[in-house]
Amino acid sequence: MVRRFFEPLQFVPHCSSVVEAFKNELKGFSTSKGTIHFPTDKPLPTALVKKLVKARVSQNESKKRR
């Protein structure tokens, strides 16, 4: 989920393990347990966002298989 109601842009993977798994790549961005804040005055790091989405989709798919 991406939210753009307030500054900054928020990406909410709803999973702290995704944020933790990418903590090195997320240095320089504000994060909380399950939210990543991207500043609106800089380009969105699309390659990183794609990695985050793929990681979350993979988690969801592995849960379905159980």
PDB file of N, CA and C in Angstrom:
ATOM      1  N   MET A   1       0.839  -1.160   0.000  1.00  0.00           N
ATOM      2  CA  MET A   1       0.000   0.000   0.000  1.00  0.00           C
ATOM      3  C   MET A   1       0.893   1.235   0.000  1.00  0.00           C
ATOM      4  N   VAL A   2       0.540   2.192  -0.821  1.00  0.00           N
ATOM      5  CA  VAL A   2       1.262   3.461  -0.855  1.00  0.00           C
ATOM      6  C   VAL A   2       0.281   4.546  -0.473  1.00  0.00           C
ATOM      7  N   ARG A   3       0.698   5.403   0.442  1.00  0.00           N
ATOM      8  CA  ARG A   3      -0.167   6.495   0.900  1.00  0.00           C
ATOM      9  C   ARG A   3       0.471   7.824   0.530  1.00  0.00           C
ATOM     10  N   ARG A   4      -0.348   8.749   0.068  1.00  0.00           N
ATOM     11  CA  ARG A   4       0.166  10.058  -0.299  1.00  0.00           C
ATOM     12  C   ARG A   4      -0.730  11.150   0.267  1.00  0.00           C
ATOM     13  N   PHE A   5      -1.270  10.929   1.464  1.00  0.00           N
ATOM     14  CA  PHE A   5      -2.132  11.926   2.075  1.00  0.00           C
ATOM     15  C   PHE A   5      -1.321  13.055   2.691  1.00  0.00           C
ATOM     16  N   PHE A   6      -0.187  12.728   3.218  1.00  0.00           N
ATOM     17  CA  PHE A   6       0.657  13.699   3.893  1.00  0.00           C
ATOM     18  C   PHE A   6       2.083  13.531   3.405  1.00  0.00           C
ATOM     19  N   GLU A   7       2.891  14.534   3.644  1.00  0.00           N
ATOM     20  CA  GLU A   7       4.318  14.413   3.365  1.00  0.00           C
ATOM     21  C   GLU A   7       4.902  13.561   4.468  1.00  0.00           C
ATOM     22  N   PRO A   8       5.804  12.720   4.261  1.00  0.00           N
ATOM     23  CA  PRO A   8       6.324  12.212   2.997  1.00  0.00           C
ATOM     24  C   PRO A   8       5.456  11.086   2.457  1.00  0.00           C
ATOM     25  N   LEU A   9       5.831  10.585   1.294  1.00  0.00           N
ATOM     26  CA  LEU A   9       5.155   9.435   0.700  1.00  0.00           C
ATOM     27  C   LEU A   9       5.431   8.213   1.559  1.00  0.00           C
ATOM     28  N   GLN A  10       4.412   7.451   1.887  1.00  0.00           N
ATOM     29  CA  GLN A  10       4.580   6.279   2.753  1.00  0.00           C
ATOM     30  C   GLN A  10       4.331   4.997   1.979  1.00  0.00           C
ATOM     31  N   PHE A  11       5.226   4.045   2.167  1.00  0.00           N
ATOM     32  CA  PHE A  11       5.039   2.696   1.640  1.00  0.00           C
ATOM     33  C   PHE A  11       4.806   1.815   2.847  1.00  0.00           C
ATOM     34  N   VAL A  12       3.694   1.101   2.851  1.00  0.00           N
ATOM     35  CA  VAL A  12       3.315   0.314   4.018  1.00  0.00           C
ATOM     36  C   VAL A  12       3.240  -1.161   3.629  1.00  0.00           C
ATOM     37  N   PRO A  13       4.346  -1.896   3.821  1.00  0.00           N
ATOM     38  CA  PRO A  13       4.302  -3.317   3.482  1.00  0.00           C
ATOM     39  C   PRO A  13       3.558  -4.165   4.507  1.00  0.00           C
ATOM     40  N   HIS A  14       3.156  -3.560   5.628  1.00  0.00           N
ATOM     41  CA  HIS A  14       2.441  -4.261   6.697  1.00  0.00           C
ATOM     42  C   HIS A  14       3.222  -5.455   7.228  1.00  0.00           C
ATOM     43  N   CYS A  15       4.513  -5.350   7.198  1.00  0.00           N
ATOM     44  CA  CYS A  15       5.331  -6.459   7.665  1.00  0.00           C
ATOM     45  C   CYS A  15       6.704  -5.929   8.062  1.00  0.00           C
ATOM     46  N   SER A  16       7.015  -6.027   9.321  1.00  0.00           N
ATOM     47  CA  SER A  16       8.300  -5.517   9.791  1.00  0.00           C
ATOM     48  C   SER A  16       9.474  -6.320   9.257  1.00  0.00           C
ATOM     49  N   SER A  17       9.258  -7.578   8.889  1.00  0.00           N
ATOM     50  CA  SER A  17      10.362  -8.386   8.390  1.00  0.00           C
ATOM     51  C   SER A  17      10.858  -7.879   7.035  1.00  0.00           C
ATOM     52  N   VAL A  18       9.984  -7.293   6.222  1.00  0.00           N
ATOM     53  CA  VAL A  18      10.413  -6.716   4.949  1.00  0.00           C
ATOM     54  C   VAL A  18      11.298  -5.500   5.215  1.00  0.00           C
ATOM     55  N   VAL A  19      10.868  -4.656   6.119  1.00  0.00           N
ATOM     56  CA  VAL A  19      11.663  -3.477   6.473  1.00  0.00           C
ATOM     57  C   VAL A  19      13.019  -3.913   7.024  1.00  0.00           C
ATOM     58  N   GLU A  20      13.025  -4.908   7.880  1.00  0.00           N
ATOM     59  CA  GLU A  20      14.264  -5.411   8.476  1.00  0.00           C
ATOM     60  C   GLU A  20      15.182  -6.028   7.416  1.00  0.00           C
ATOM     61  N   ALA A  21      14.614  -6.771   6.495  1.00  0.00           N
ATOM     62  CA  ALA A  21      15.416  -7.438   5.467  1.00  0.00           C
ATOM     63  C   ALA A  21      16.141  -6.448   4.558  1.00  0.00           C
ATOM     64  N   PHE A  22      15.575  -5.274   4.394  1.00  0.00           N
ATOM     65  CA  PHE A  22      16.162  -4.271   3.512  1.00  0.00           C
ATOM     66  C   PHE A  22      16.732  -3.077   4.281  1.00  0.00           C
ATOM     67  N   LYS A  23      17.043  -3.270   5.556  1.00  0.00           N
ATOM     68  CA  LYS A  23      17.467  -2.146   6.391  1.00  0.00           C
ATOM     69  C   LYS A  23      18.701  -1.431   5.843  1.00  0.00           C
ATOM     70  N   ASN A  24      19.635  -2.168   5.245  1.00  0.00           N
ATOM     71  CA  ASN A  24      20.824  -1.511   4.693  1.00  0.00           C
ATOM     72  C   ASN A  24      20.476  -0.637   3.498  1.00  0.00           C
ATOM     73  N   GLU A  25      19.579  -1.110   2.657  1.00  0.00           N
ATOM     74  CA  GLU A  25      19.163  -0.334   1.490  1.00  0.00           C
ATOM     75  C   GLU A  25      18.235   0.826   1.875  1.00  0.00           C
ATOM     76  N   LEU A  26      17.643   0.739   3.053  1.00  0.00           N
ATOM     77  CA  LEU A  26      16.721   1.782   3.507  1.00  0.00           C
ATOM     78  C   LEU A  26      17.402   2.860   4.347  1.00  0.00           C
ATOM     79  N   LYS A  27      18.714   2.742   4.504  1.00  0.00           N
ATOM     80  CA  LYS A  27      19.433   3.795   5.231  1.00  0.00           C
ATOM     81  C   LYS A  27      19.219   5.117   4.504  1.00  0.00           C
ATOM     82  N   GLY A  28      18.953   6.138   5.251  1.00  0.00           N
ATOM     83  CA  GLY A  28      18.675   7.439   4.658  1.00  0.00           C
ATOM     84  C   GLY A  28      17.193   7.722   4.510  1.00  0.00           C
ATOM     85  N   PHE A  29      16.368   6.693   4.723  1.00  0.00           N
ATOM     86  CA  PHE A  29      14.922   6.869   4.694  1.00  0.00           C
ATOM     87  C   PHE A  29      14.390   6.669   6.108  1.00  0.00           C
ATOM     88  N   SER A  30      13.350   7.376   6.430  1.00  0.00           N
ATOM     89  CA  SER A  30      12.706   7.207   7.725  1.00  0.00           C
ATOM     90  C   SER A  30      11.864   5.939   7.685  1.00  0.00           C
ATOM     91  N   THR A  31      12.033   5.090   8.695  1.00  0.00           N
ATOM     92  CA  THR A  31      11.246   3.860   8.764  1.00  0.00           C
ATOM     93  C   THR A  31      10.680   3.689  10.159  1.00  0.00           C
ATOM     94  N   SER A  32       9.618   2.941  10.239  1.00  0.00           N
ATOM     95  CA  SER A  32       9.081   2.496  11.519  1.00  0.00           C
ATOM     96  C   SER A  32       8.879   0.998  11.373  1.00  0.00           C
ATOM     97  N   LYS A  33       8.225   0.383  12.296  1.00  0.00           N
ATOM     98  CA  LYS A  33       8.096  -1.076  12.300  1.00  0.00           C
ATOM     99  C   LYS A  33       7.595  -1.645  10.971  1.00  0.00           C
ATOM    100  N   GLY A  34       6.600  -1.043  10.386  1.00  0.00           N
ATOM    101  CA  GLY A  34       6.049  -1.580   9.151  1.00  0.00           C
ATOM    102  C   GLY A  34       5.805  -0.530   8.086  1.00  0.00           C
ATOM    103  N   THR A  35       6.484   0.623   8.179  1.00  0.00           N
ATOM    104  CA  THR A  35       6.261   1.716   7.249  1.00  0.00           C
ATOM    105  C   THR A  35       7.590   2.303   6.798  1.00  0.00           C
ATOM    106  N   ILE A  36       7.656   2.685   5.540  1.00  0.00           N
ATOM    107  CA  ILE A  36       8.829   3.347   4.989  1.00  0.00           C
ATOM    108  C   ILE A  36       8.369   4.696   4.459  1.00  0.00           C
ATOM    109  N   HIS A  37       9.076   5.754   4.821  1.00  0.00           N
ATOM    110  CA  HIS A  37       8.723   7.102   4.380  1.00  0.00           C
ATOM    111  C   HIS A  37       9.732   7.565   3.334  1.00  0.00           C
ATOM    112  N   PHE A  38       9.250   7.898   2.160  1.00  0.00           N
ATOM    113  CA  PHE A  38      10.090   8.422   1.097  1.00  0.00           C
ATOM    114  C   PHE A  38       9.837   9.922   0.975  1.00  0.00           C
ATOM    115  N   PRO A  39      10.896  10.724   0.970  1.00  0.00           N
ATOM    116  CA  PRO A  39      10.702  12.176   0.846  1.00  0.00           C
ATOM    117  C   PRO A  39      10.152  12.526  -0.538  1.00  0.00           C
ATOM    118  N   THR A  40       9.318  13.533  -0.588  1.00  0.00           N
ATOM    119  CA  THR A  40       8.697  13.907  -1.857  1.00  0.00           C
ATOM    120  C   THR A  40       9.569  14.848  -2.688  1.00  0.00           C
ATOM    121  N   ASP A  41      10.653  15.339  -2.104  1.00  0.00           N
ATOM    122  CA  ASP A  41      11.515  16.246  -2.848  1.00  0.00           C
ATOM    123  C   ASP A  41      12.641  15.516  -3.588  1.00  0.00           C
ATOM    124  N   LYS A  42      12.609  14.183  -3.551  1.00  0.00           N
ATOM    125  CA  LYS A  42      13.603  13.365  -4.246  1.00  0.00           C
ATOM    126  C   LYS A  42      12.869  12.321  -5.078  1.00  0.00           C
ATOM    127  N   PRO A  43      13.508  11.838  -6.142  1.00  0.00           N
ATOM    128  CA  PRO A  43      12.862  10.802  -6.959  1.00  0.00           C
ATOM    129  C   PRO A  43      12.611   9.532  -6.149  1.00  0.00           C
ATOM    130  N   LEU A  44      11.508   8.892  -6.429  1.00  0.00           N
ATOM    131  CA  LEU A  44      11.178   7.632  -5.779  1.00  0.00           C
ATOM    132  C   LEU A  44      12.168   6.564  -6.249  1.00  0.00           C
ATOM    133  N   PRO A  45      12.781   5.823  -5.326  1.00  0.00           N
ATOM    134  CA  PRO A  45      13.738   4.783  -5.719  1.00  0.00           C
ATOM    135  C   PRO A  45      12.997   3.546  -6.249  1.00  0.00           C
ATOM    136  N   THR A  46      12.629   3.597  -7.514  1.00  0.00           N
ATOM    137  CA  THR A  46      11.759   2.572  -8.081  1.00  0.00           C
ATOM    138  C   THR A  46      12.354   1.165  -8.009  1.00  0.00           C
ATOM    139  N   ALA A  47      13.652   1.034  -8.188  1.00  0.00           N
ATOM    140  CA  ALA A  47      14.264  -0.296  -8.104  1.00  0.00           C
ATOM    141  C   ALA A  47      14.098  -0.875  -6.703  1.00  0.00           C
ATOM    142  N   LEU A  48      14.274  -0.042  -5.694  1.00  0.00           N
ATOM    143  CA  LEU A  48      14.107  -0.482  -4.308  1.00  0.00           C
ATOM    144  C   LEU A  48      12.646  -0.819  -4.030  1.00  0.00           C
ATOM    145  N   VAL A  49      11.733   0.007  -4.495  1.00  0.00           N
ATOM    146  CA  VAL A  49      10.306  -0.252  -4.286  1.00  0.00           C
ATOM    147  C   VAL A  49       9.912  -1.584  -4.932  1.00  0.00           C
ATOM    148  N   LYS A  50      10.429  -1.861  -6.124  1.00  0.00           N
ATOM    149  CA  LYS A  50      10.140  -3.134  -6.783  1.00  0.00           C
ATOM    150  C   LYS A  50      10.637  -4.309  -5.948  1.00  0.00           C
ATOM    151  N   LYS A  51      11.832  -4.179  -5.374  1.00  0.00           N
ATOM    152  CA  LYS A  51      12.376  -5.246  -4.517  1.00  0.00           C
ATOM    153  C   LYS A  51      11.493  -5.460  -3.290  1.00  0.00           C
ATOM    154  N   LEU A  52      11.047  -4.360  -2.686  1.00  0.00           N
ATOM    155  CA  LEU A  52      10.197  -4.442  -1.502  1.00  0.00           C
ATOM    156  C   LEU A  52       8.872  -5.136  -1.832  1.00  0.00           C
ATOM    157  N   VAL A  53       8.284  -4.755  -2.952  1.00  0.00           N
ATOM    158  CA  VAL A  53       7.009  -5.348  -3.352  1.00  0.00           C
ATOM    159  C   VAL A  53       7.182  -6.834  -3.644  1.00  0.00           C
ATOM    160  N   LYS A  54       8.236  -7.185  -4.367  1.00  0.00           N
ATOM    161  CA  LYS A  54       8.483  -8.602  -4.677  1.00  0.00           C
ATOM    162  C   LYS A  54       8.693  -9.417  -3.404  1.00  0.00           C
ATOM    163  N   ALA A  55       9.399  -8.853  -2.435  1.00  0.00           N
ATOM    164  CA  ALA A  55       9.634  -9.554  -1.169  1.00  0.00           C
ATOM    165  C   ALA A  55       8.321  -9.783  -0.433  1.00  0.00           C
ATOM    166  N   ARG A  56       7.467  -8.790  -0.430  1.00  0.00           N
ATOM    167  CA  ARG A  56       6.184  -8.922   0.269  1.00  0.00           C
ATOM    168  C   ARG A  56       5.266  -9.904  -0.445  1.00  0.00           C
ATOM    169  N   VAL A  57       5.245  -9.860  -1.767  1.00  0.00           N
ATOM    170  CA  VAL A  57       4.432 -10.805  -2.540  1.00  0.00           C
ATOM    171  C   VAL A  57       4.912 -12.225  -2.271  1.00  0.00           C
ATOM    172  N   SER A  58       6.211 -12.412  -2.245  1.00  0.00           N
ATOM    173  CA  SER A  58       6.778 -13.729  -1.961  1.00  0.00           C
ATOM    174  C   SER A  58       6.348 -14.234  -0.586  1.00  0.00           C
ATOM    175  N   GLN A  59       6.358 -13.354   0.406  1.00  0.00           N
ATOM    176  CA  GLN A  59       5.899 -13.740   1.748  1.00  0.00           C
ATOM    177  C   GLN A  59       4.435 -14.156   1.716  1.00  0.00           C
ATOM    178  N   ASN A  60       3.620 -13.388   1.032  1.00  0.00           N
ATOM    179  CA  ASN A  60       2.189 -13.713   0.960  1.00  0.00           C
ATOM    180  C   ASN A  60       1.957 -15.045   0.261  1.00  0.00           C
ATOM    181  N   GLU A  61       2.697 -15.304  -0.800  1.00  0.00           N
ATOM    182  CA  GLU A  61       2.545 -16.557  -1.529  1.00  0.00           C
ATOM    183  C   GLU A  61       2.989 -17.750  -0.688  1.00  0.00           C
ATOM    184  N   SER A  62       4.041 -17.589   0.086  1.00  0.00           N
ATOM    185  CA  SER A  62       4.492 -18.703   0.926  1.00  0.00           C
ATOM    186  C   SER A  62       3.490 -18.993   2.050  1.00  0.00           C
ATOM    187  N   LYS A  63       2.783 -17.976   2.516  1.00  0.00           N
ATOM    188  CA  LYS A  63       1.736 -18.183   3.531  1.00  0.00           C
ATOM    189  C   LYS A  63       0.554 -18.955   2.942  1.00  0.00           C
ATOM    190  N   LYS A  64       0.240 -18.695   1.675  1.00  0.00           N
ATOM    191  CA  LYS A  64      -0.877 -19.381   1.018  1.00  0.00           C
ATOM    192  C   LYS A  64      -0.613 -20.874   0.893  1.00  0.00           C
ATOM    193  N   ARG A  65       0.658 -21.238   0.698  1.00  0.00           N
ATOM    194  CA  ARG A  65       1.027 -22.644   0.488  1.00  0.00           C
ATOM    195  C   ARG A  65       0.932 -23.481   1.764  1.00  0.00           C
ATOM    196  N   ARG A  66       0.899 -22.848   2.889  1.00  0.00           N
ATOM    197  CA  ARG A  66       0.870 -23.580   4.158  1.00  0.00           C
ATOM    198  C   ARG A  66      -0.425 -24.260   4.408  1.00  0.00           C
TER     199      ARG A  66
END
